[in-house]
Protein backbone atom coordinates (compact mmCIF):
# COMPACT_ATOMS: atom_id res chain seq x y z
CA GLU A 1 -12.63 -1.60 -14.76
CA THR A 2 -10.31 0.53 -16.89
CA LEU A 3 -8.91 4.01 -16.63
CA LYS A 4 -11.46 5.59 -18.95
CA THR A 5 -11.47 8.98 -17.26
CA ALA A 6 -8.88 11.17 -15.59
CA ALA A 7 -9.37 9.60 -12.16
CA GLY A 8 -10.87 6.28 -13.23
CA PRO A 9 -14.47 5.05 -12.94
CA THR A 10 -16.16 4.77 -9.57
CA LYS A 11 -19.27 3.05 -10.96
CA GLY A 12 -21.57 5.43 -9.09
CA GLU A 13 -20.12 4.53 -5.69
CA ALA A 14 -18.08 6.62 -3.28
CA ALA A 15 -14.36 6.08 -3.65
CA PRO A 16 -12.87 3.94 -0.88
CA SER A 17 -10.74 5.66 1.74
CA THR A 18 -7.65 3.99 0.31
CA GLU A 19 -8.14 5.49 -3.15
CA THR A 20 -5.63 8.10 -4.23
CA THR A 21 -5.21 10.17 -7.36
CA SER A 22 -1.77 9.82 -8.92
CA SER A 23 -0.38 12.31 -11.40
CA ILE A 24 1.85 12.36 -14.48
CA TRP A 25 3.78 15.57 -15.15
CA ARG A 26 5.59 16.89 -18.20
CA ILE A 27 8.81 18.78 -17.58
CA GLU A 28 10.27 21.14 -20.20
CA ASP A 29 13.22 23.50 -20.41
CA ASP A 30 11.61 26.76 -21.54
CA ASP A 31 14.11 29.40 -20.40
CA GLY A 32 13.60 27.88 -16.98
CA LEU A 33 11.92 24.76 -15.67
CA LEU A 34 8.29 24.33 -16.79
CA VAL A 35 6.36 21.62 -14.92
CA GLU A 36 2.81 20.79 -16.04
CA GLU A 37 0.40 18.11 -14.89
CA VAL A 38 -0.84 16.27 -18.00
CA GLN A 39 -2.71 13.27 -16.59
CA THR A 40 -4.12 11.77 -13.41
CA PHE A 41 -5.08 8.16 -12.80
CA ARG A 42 -6.78 6.13 -10.10
CA SER A 43 -4.60 4.33 -7.57
CA PHE A 44 -4.84 2.77 -4.12
CA GLY A 45 -2.01 3.96 -1.94
CA ALA A 46 0.49 4.26 -4.79
CA HIS A 47 3.89 3.44 -3.35
CA GLY A 48 6.28 3.37 -6.30
CA VAL A 49 6.55 3.76 -10.06
CA ALA A 50 8.92 2.46 -12.73
CA HIS A 51 9.22 3.41 -16.41
CA ILE A 52 9.94 0.76 -19.04
CA THR A 53 10.59 1.11 -22.77
CA SER A 54 10.52 -1.87 -25.13
CA GLU A 55 10.25 -2.08 -28.92
CA GLY A 56 9.03 1.48 -29.16
CA SER A 57 6.39 1.12 -26.44
CA HIS A 58 6.36 2.96 -23.11
CA TYR A 59 5.00 1.47 -19.89
CA LEU A 60 4.53 2.69 -16.32
CA ALA A 61 4.41 0.09 -13.54
CA VAL A 62 2.71 1.38 -10.37
CA SER A 63 2.88 -0.55 -7.10
CA MET A 64 0.03 0.07 -4.65
CA TYR A 65 0.05 -0.65 -0.94
CA TYR A 66 -3.74 -1.04 -0.60
CA ALA A 67 -4.36 -3.03 -3.77
CA ASP A 68 -3.83 -6.65 -4.75
CA PHE A 69 -2.14 -5.76 -8.01
CA VAL A 70 0.55 -3.72 -9.71
CA ALA A 71 -0.98 -1.55 -12.44
CA ILE A 72 0.77 -1.56 -15.80
CA LEU A 73 -0.09 1.53 -17.84
CA LYS A 74 0.83 1.77 -21.52
CA TRP A 75 1.26 4.90 -23.63
CA ASP A 76 -1.35 4.99 -26.43
CA GLY A 77 0.06 8.03 -28.20
CA SER A 78 -1.72 10.64 -26.10
CA ARG A 79 -1.96 9.26 -22.56
CA PHE A 80 -1.16 6.25 -20.38
CA GLU A 81 -4.00 3.71 -20.20
CA GLU A 82 -4.28 0.61 -18.03
CA HIS A 83 -2.82 -2.34 -19.91
CA GLN A 84 -2.33 -5.16 -17.39
CA ARG A 85 -2.54 -6.04 -13.70
CA LEU A 86 0.14 -8.10 -11.97
CA PRO A 87 -0.79 -9.97 -8.77
CA CYS A 88 0.74 -8.31 -5.72
CA GLU A 89 -0.04 -8.31 -1.99
CA GLY A 90 0.64 -4.84 -0.60
CA GLY A 91 3.04 -3.32 -3.12
CA GLY A 92 6.07 -1.42 -1.86
CA GLY A 93 9.18 -0.36 -3.74
CA ILE A 94 9.44 -1.18 -7.44
CA CYS A 95 12.25 -0.96 -10.00
CA ALA A 96 12.87 -1.81 -13.65
CA PHE A 97 16.04 -3.44 -14.97
CA VAL A 98 17.31 -5.38 -17.98
CA VAL A 99 18.74 -8.90 -18.19
CA ASP A 100 20.02 -10.16 -21.55
CA GLY A 101 17.90 -7.62 -23.37
CA GLN A 102 14.68 -8.49 -21.54
CA GLN A 103 12.88 -5.77 -19.54
CA ARG A 104 12.11 -6.88 -16.00
CA LEU A 105 10.40 -5.64 -12.86
CA ALA A 106 11.13 -6.24 -9.19
CA VAL A 107 8.35 -5.47 -6.69
CA ALA A 108 8.51 -5.55 -2.90
CA GLU A 109 5.40 -7.20 -1.45
CA PHE A 110 4.64 -6.40 2.17
CA GLY A 111 1.88 -9.01 2.32
CA LYS A 112 4.06 -11.86 1.05
CA LYS A 113 7.21 -10.71 2.88
CA GLY A 114 9.39 -10.79 -0.19
CA VAL A 115 10.08 -9.68 -3.74
CA SER A 116 8.35 -10.77 -6.94
CA LEU A 117 10.12 -10.63 -10.30
CA PHE A 118 8.41 -10.22 -13.67
CA GLY A 119 9.66 -10.26 -17.27
CA LEU A 120 8.21 -8.51 -20.33
CA GLU A 121 7.52 -10.73 -23.31
CA GLN A 122 5.24 -10.00 -26.28
CA ASP A 123 3.71 -6.91 -24.69
CA LYS A 124 2.84 -8.68 -21.39
CA PHE A 125 4.62 -9.14 -18.08
CA HIS A 126 4.96 -12.69 -16.75
CA HIS A 127 5.99 -13.88 -13.29
CA LEU A 128 9.55 -15.20 -13.13
CA GLN A 129 10.61 -15.73 -9.51
CA TYR A 130 9.75 -14.99 -5.89
CA LEU A 131 12.47 -14.01 -3.38
CA GLN A 132 11.98 -14.46 0.34
CA ALA A 133 12.96 -11.16 1.98
CA ASP A 134 11.00 -10.50 5.16
CA GLY A 135 10.73 -6.79 5.91
CA CYS A 136 11.69 -5.71 2.40
CA CYS A 137 10.19 -2.33 1.50
CA HIS A 138 12.45 -1.09 -1.32
CA VAL A 139 14.25 -2.73 -4.25
CA SER A 140 17.03 -1.58 -6.54
CA THR A 141 19.38 -3.32 -8.96
CA THR A 142 22.86 -2.81 -10.34
CA CYS A 143 25.16 -4.65 -12.77
CA LEU A 144 28.78 -5.23 -11.74
CA ASN A 145 31.33 -7.30 -13.65
CA LYS A 146 28.57 -8.50 -15.99
CA ARG A 147 26.50 -9.82 -13.08
CA THR A 148 23.16 -8.39 -11.91
CA TYR A 149 22.58 -7.75 -8.21
CA LEU A 150 19.30 -6.92 -6.48
CA ILE A 151 19.27 -5.03 -3.19
CA ALA A 152 16.23 -5.77 -1.03
CA ALA A 153 16.27 -3.00 1.57
CA ALA A 154 14.44 -4.17 4.70
CA ASN A 155 13.61 -2.30 7.89
CA TRP A 156 11.38 -4.43 10.15
CA SER A 157 10.09 -7.99 10.40
CA SER A 158 8.00 -9.81 12.95
CA THR A 159 10.93 -12.03 13.94
CA THR A 160 13.98 -9.73 13.99
CA LYS A 161 12.12 -6.43 14.57
CA TRP A 162 14.33 -3.39 13.79
CA ARG A 163 17.41 -5.63 13.56
CA THR A 164 16.32 -6.95 10.17
CA ALA A 165 19.13 -6.95 7.59
CA SER A 166 18.87 -5.89 3.96
CA THR A 167 19.76 -8.67 1.53
CA VAL A 168 21.81 -8.48 -1.67
CA PHE A 169 20.81 -11.16 -4.21
CA SER A 170 23.01 -12.13 -7.17
CA LEU A 171 21.77 -13.49 -10.51
CA THR A 172 23.31 -16.74 -11.75
CA ARG A 173 21.87 -18.69 -14.69
CA ASP A 174 18.79 -16.46 -14.61
CA VAL A 175 18.03 -17.23 -10.95
CA PHE A 176 18.52 -14.81 -8.06
CA ALA A 177 19.97 -16.20 -4.81
CA PRO A 178 21.04 -14.50 -1.55
CA SER A 179 24.67 -13.36 -1.63
CA PHE A 180 25.35 -11.18 1.44
CA ASP A 181 23.67 -8.76 3.85
CA LEU A 182 23.78 -5.00 4.39
CA SER A 183 22.42 -2.72 7.08
CA SER A 184 18.69 -2.47 7.57
CA GLY A 185 17.11 0.44 5.75
CA GLU A 186 14.06 1.99 4.11
CA GLY A 187 15.79 2.48 0.77
CA SER A 188 19.04 2.29 -1.15
CA SER A 189 20.79 3.99 -4.05
CA THR A 190 23.73 2.85 -6.18
CA LEU A 191 26.00 4.56 -8.72
CA THR A 192 29.25 3.95 -10.56
CA TYR A 193 31.44 7.07 -10.66
CA GLN A 194 34.94 7.35 -12.14
CA GLY A 195 35.19 3.57 -12.31
CA ARG A 196 34.22 3.04 -8.65
CA HIS A 197 30.86 1.76 -7.45
CA PHE A 198 28.98 3.00 -4.39
CA CYS A 199 25.83 2.05 -2.49
CA PHE A 200 24.04 4.03 0.20
CA VAL A 201 21.40 2.55 2.53
CA ALA A 202 18.95 5.00 4.13
CA LYS A 203 18.51 3.77 7.68
CA HIS A 204 15.22 4.78 9.29
CA LYS A 205 15.39 3.11 12.71
CA ASN A 206 17.99 1.97 15.21
CA PRO A 207 17.82 -1.59 16.60
CA ASP A 208 15.96 -0.27 19.67
CA GLY A 209 13.28 1.34 17.48
CA SER A 210 14.43 4.93 17.90
CA CYS A 211 14.85 7.12 14.82
CA CYS A 212 18.26 6.75 13.24
CA ARG A 213 20.56 9.73 12.56
CA ARG A 214 23.40 7.95 10.72
CA SER A 215 23.35 5.75 7.63
CA PRO A 216 26.06 3.72 5.86
CA LEU A 217 27.85 4.47 2.60
CA TYR A 218 29.43 1.39 0.95
CA GLU A 219 31.91 0.85 -1.87
CA TRP A 220 32.16 -2.31 -3.98
CA ARG A 221 35.48 -3.99 -3.12
CA ARG A 222 36.59 -7.59 -3.60
CA GLY A 223 33.22 -8.94 -4.63
CA LYS A 224 30.96 -7.27 -2.07
CA TYR A 225 29.99 -3.94 -0.53
CA GLN A 226 32.44 -2.70 2.10
CA LEU A 227 31.56 0.05 4.58
CA VAL A 228 33.22 3.39 3.79
CA GLN A 229 31.68 5.54 6.51
CA GLU A 230 28.42 6.47 8.17
CA LEU A 231 26.90 9.83 7.26
CA ASP A 232 24.97 12.09 9.62
CA HIS A 233 21.43 13.22 8.83
CA ASP A 234 18.23 14.31 10.57
CA ASP A 235 16.10 11.53 12.01
CA GLY A 236 14.21 9.03 9.93
CA ALA A 237 16.15 8.60 6.66
CA HIS A 238 13.65 7.08 4.26
CA GLY A 239 15.28 7.23 0.82
CA ALA A 240 18.32 8.52 -1.02
CA CYS A 241 19.69 9.40 -4.44
CA LEU A 242 23.29 9.09 -5.59
CA PHE A 243 23.75 11.12 -8.77
CA GLU A 244 26.40 12.65 -11.02
CA ALA A 245 25.46 16.21 -11.97
CA THR A 246 26.24 17.96 -15.23
CA ASN A 247 29.15 19.63 -13.41
CA SER A 248 30.73 16.12 -13.24
CA LYS A 249 30.50 16.04 -9.44
CA LEU A 250 29.06 13.18 -7.40
CA TYR A 251 26.30 13.98 -4.90
CA LEU A 252 24.19 12.09 -2.38
CA ALA A 253 20.79 13.42 -1.28
CA ILE A 254 19.21 11.80 1.81
CA ALA A 255 15.45 12.10 2.30
CA CYS A 256 14.62 12.50 6.00
CA CYS A 257 11.02 11.68 6.85
CA GLY A 258 11.11 12.63 10.52
CA ASP A 259 9.25 10.78 13.29
CA ARG A 260 5.86 9.36 12.28
CA GLU A 261 5.09 8.17 15.83
CA LYS A 262 5.41 11.72 17.11
CA LYS A 263 3.81 13.18 13.97
CA SER A 264 6.84 15.42 13.47
CA TYR A 265 7.93 15.78 9.84
CA SER A 266 9.73 19.09 9.22
CA ARG A 267 13.38 18.20 8.72
CA ASN A 268 16.52 19.28 6.90
CA SER A 269 17.48 16.66 4.30
CA PRO A 270 21.22 16.81 3.57
CA VAL A 271 23.03 16.82 0.24
CA TYR A 272 26.62 15.54 0.34
CA GLU A 273 29.36 15.90 -2.24
CA ILE A 274 31.61 12.85 -2.62
CA SER A 275 35.04 13.38 -4.15
CA LEU A 276 37.76 10.86 -5.00
CA ASP A 277 41.33 12.09 -4.84
CA PRO A 278 41.99 9.13 -4.52
CA GLU A 279 40.75 8.88 -0.95
CA ILE A 280 37.01 9.23 -0.49
CA VAL A 281 36.13 12.64 0.93
CA VAL A 282 32.51 13.36 1.87
CA ARG A 283 31.42 16.95 2.52
CA ARG A 284 27.99 18.21 3.48
CA LYS A 285 27.11 20.84 0.86
CA LYS A 286 23.48 21.72 1.53
CA SER A 287 20.56 21.18 3.92
CA LEU A 288 17.20 21.22 2.12
CA PRO A 289 13.99 21.95 4.08
CA THR A 290 11.59 19.03 3.63
CA THR A 291 8.35 17.79 5.22
CA GLY A 292 8.16 14.04 5.61
CA ALA A 293 10.57 13.44 2.73
CA VAL A 294 10.46 9.85 1.49
CA ALA A 295 12.47 9.96 -1.76
CA PHE A 296 14.75 12.03 -3.97
CA VAL A 297 15.26 11.75 -7.72
CA ALA A 298 17.75 13.65 -9.91
CA PHE A 299 17.39 14.36 -13.63
CA ASP A 300 19.17 16.37 -16.32
CA LEU A 301 17.42 18.82 -18.63
CA GLY A 302 18.77 21.59 -20.82
CA GLY A 303 22.33 21.06 -19.63
CA ARG A 304 21.43 21.38 -15.93
CA THR A 305 20.80 18.88 -13.16
CA TYR A 306 17.67 19.09 -11.03
CA LEU A 307 16.83 17.36 -7.76
CA ALA A 308 13.21 16.61 -6.82
CA VAL A 309 11.94 15.49 -3.42
CA ALA A 310 8.75 13.55 -2.66
CA ASN A 311 7.28 15.10 0.51
CA GLU A 312 4.72 12.93 2.28
CA GLN A 313 3.08 15.14 4.89
CA ASP A 314 3.58 17.79 7.57
CA GLU A 315 2.21 18.59 11.01
CA GLN A 316 -0.48 21.07 9.92
CA ARG A 317 -1.64 20.09 6.44
CA GLY A 318 -1.40 16.33 6.61
CA GLY A 319 -0.83 14.91 3.15
CA ASN A 320 -1.67 18.12 1.30
CA VAL A 321 1.94 19.22 0.89
CA GLU A 322 3.94 20.22 -2.15
CA SER A 323 6.95 18.40 -3.47
CA VAL A 324 9.87 20.62 -4.52
CA VAL A 325 12.40 20.71 -7.38
CA TRP A 326 15.81 22.36 -6.89
CA ALA A 327 18.42 23.26 -9.49
CA VAL A 328 21.95 22.02 -8.83
CA THR A 329 24.39 24.92 -9.26
């Protein structure tokens, strides 16, 4: 089975209910933002994507909740084609990072209750290490003082329920080991700004299972993340994006999913500005209307910064909802 057509072969059979069509878009600055879908590919509950470049080659790694593999797609000069499958039990969050020049992947596996690490060597990814992290749904990495850290954001486990902590792993002699814990959360975002490093954890649920309306912002101090303050947001924070815009200001966008149990998704996702003078001052700058927002991503193009949200669903249309791109002014 390969991705020979736009949506992949079905071999004459009806597509399973878990099959989804994922899209690749090209974004251009043509006297305004031009967004064009250029390719679709077959997936099974696609949950995350990471882009990797190595020795002139481009790869996309796609984690899939309903599949037993992570799909590695490789650019062939005109489109991304399936290149490799990595074993994975219920893929969640995924991220790419570099250690000593080697491209690597971290993938949250719901089925195995942990994180699998892979390294790219001679055009193929190979398994490197498994990290026990029950409840982990999102992964991110950062490098501080020449040491790599992996944040395994966790929200729920069968043993600790909604009191499950997120774990920060540190890399020593090419092996990750647990270092310290952070608040539970659906996702995290890190950024170094003006020589200071920050981490935000998007907290979806309170310990009693109710939707959370406050999430923690941390700063790296004395070898670990220290709590700066908790920021208000609508219920169900699911993801976040710390970013420095082309205006040299630091922002934090928090994706608020709403309440899945009540099937209520229309929320205002906040954007904060964080200034250092030298005390940390956090001001709410904007409230963006979203529908089941699960993630934000920021990117620069043509001298401007843009912020895109991934909307999951709403009360009327289900999953047939648009995702939105805003310009940062």
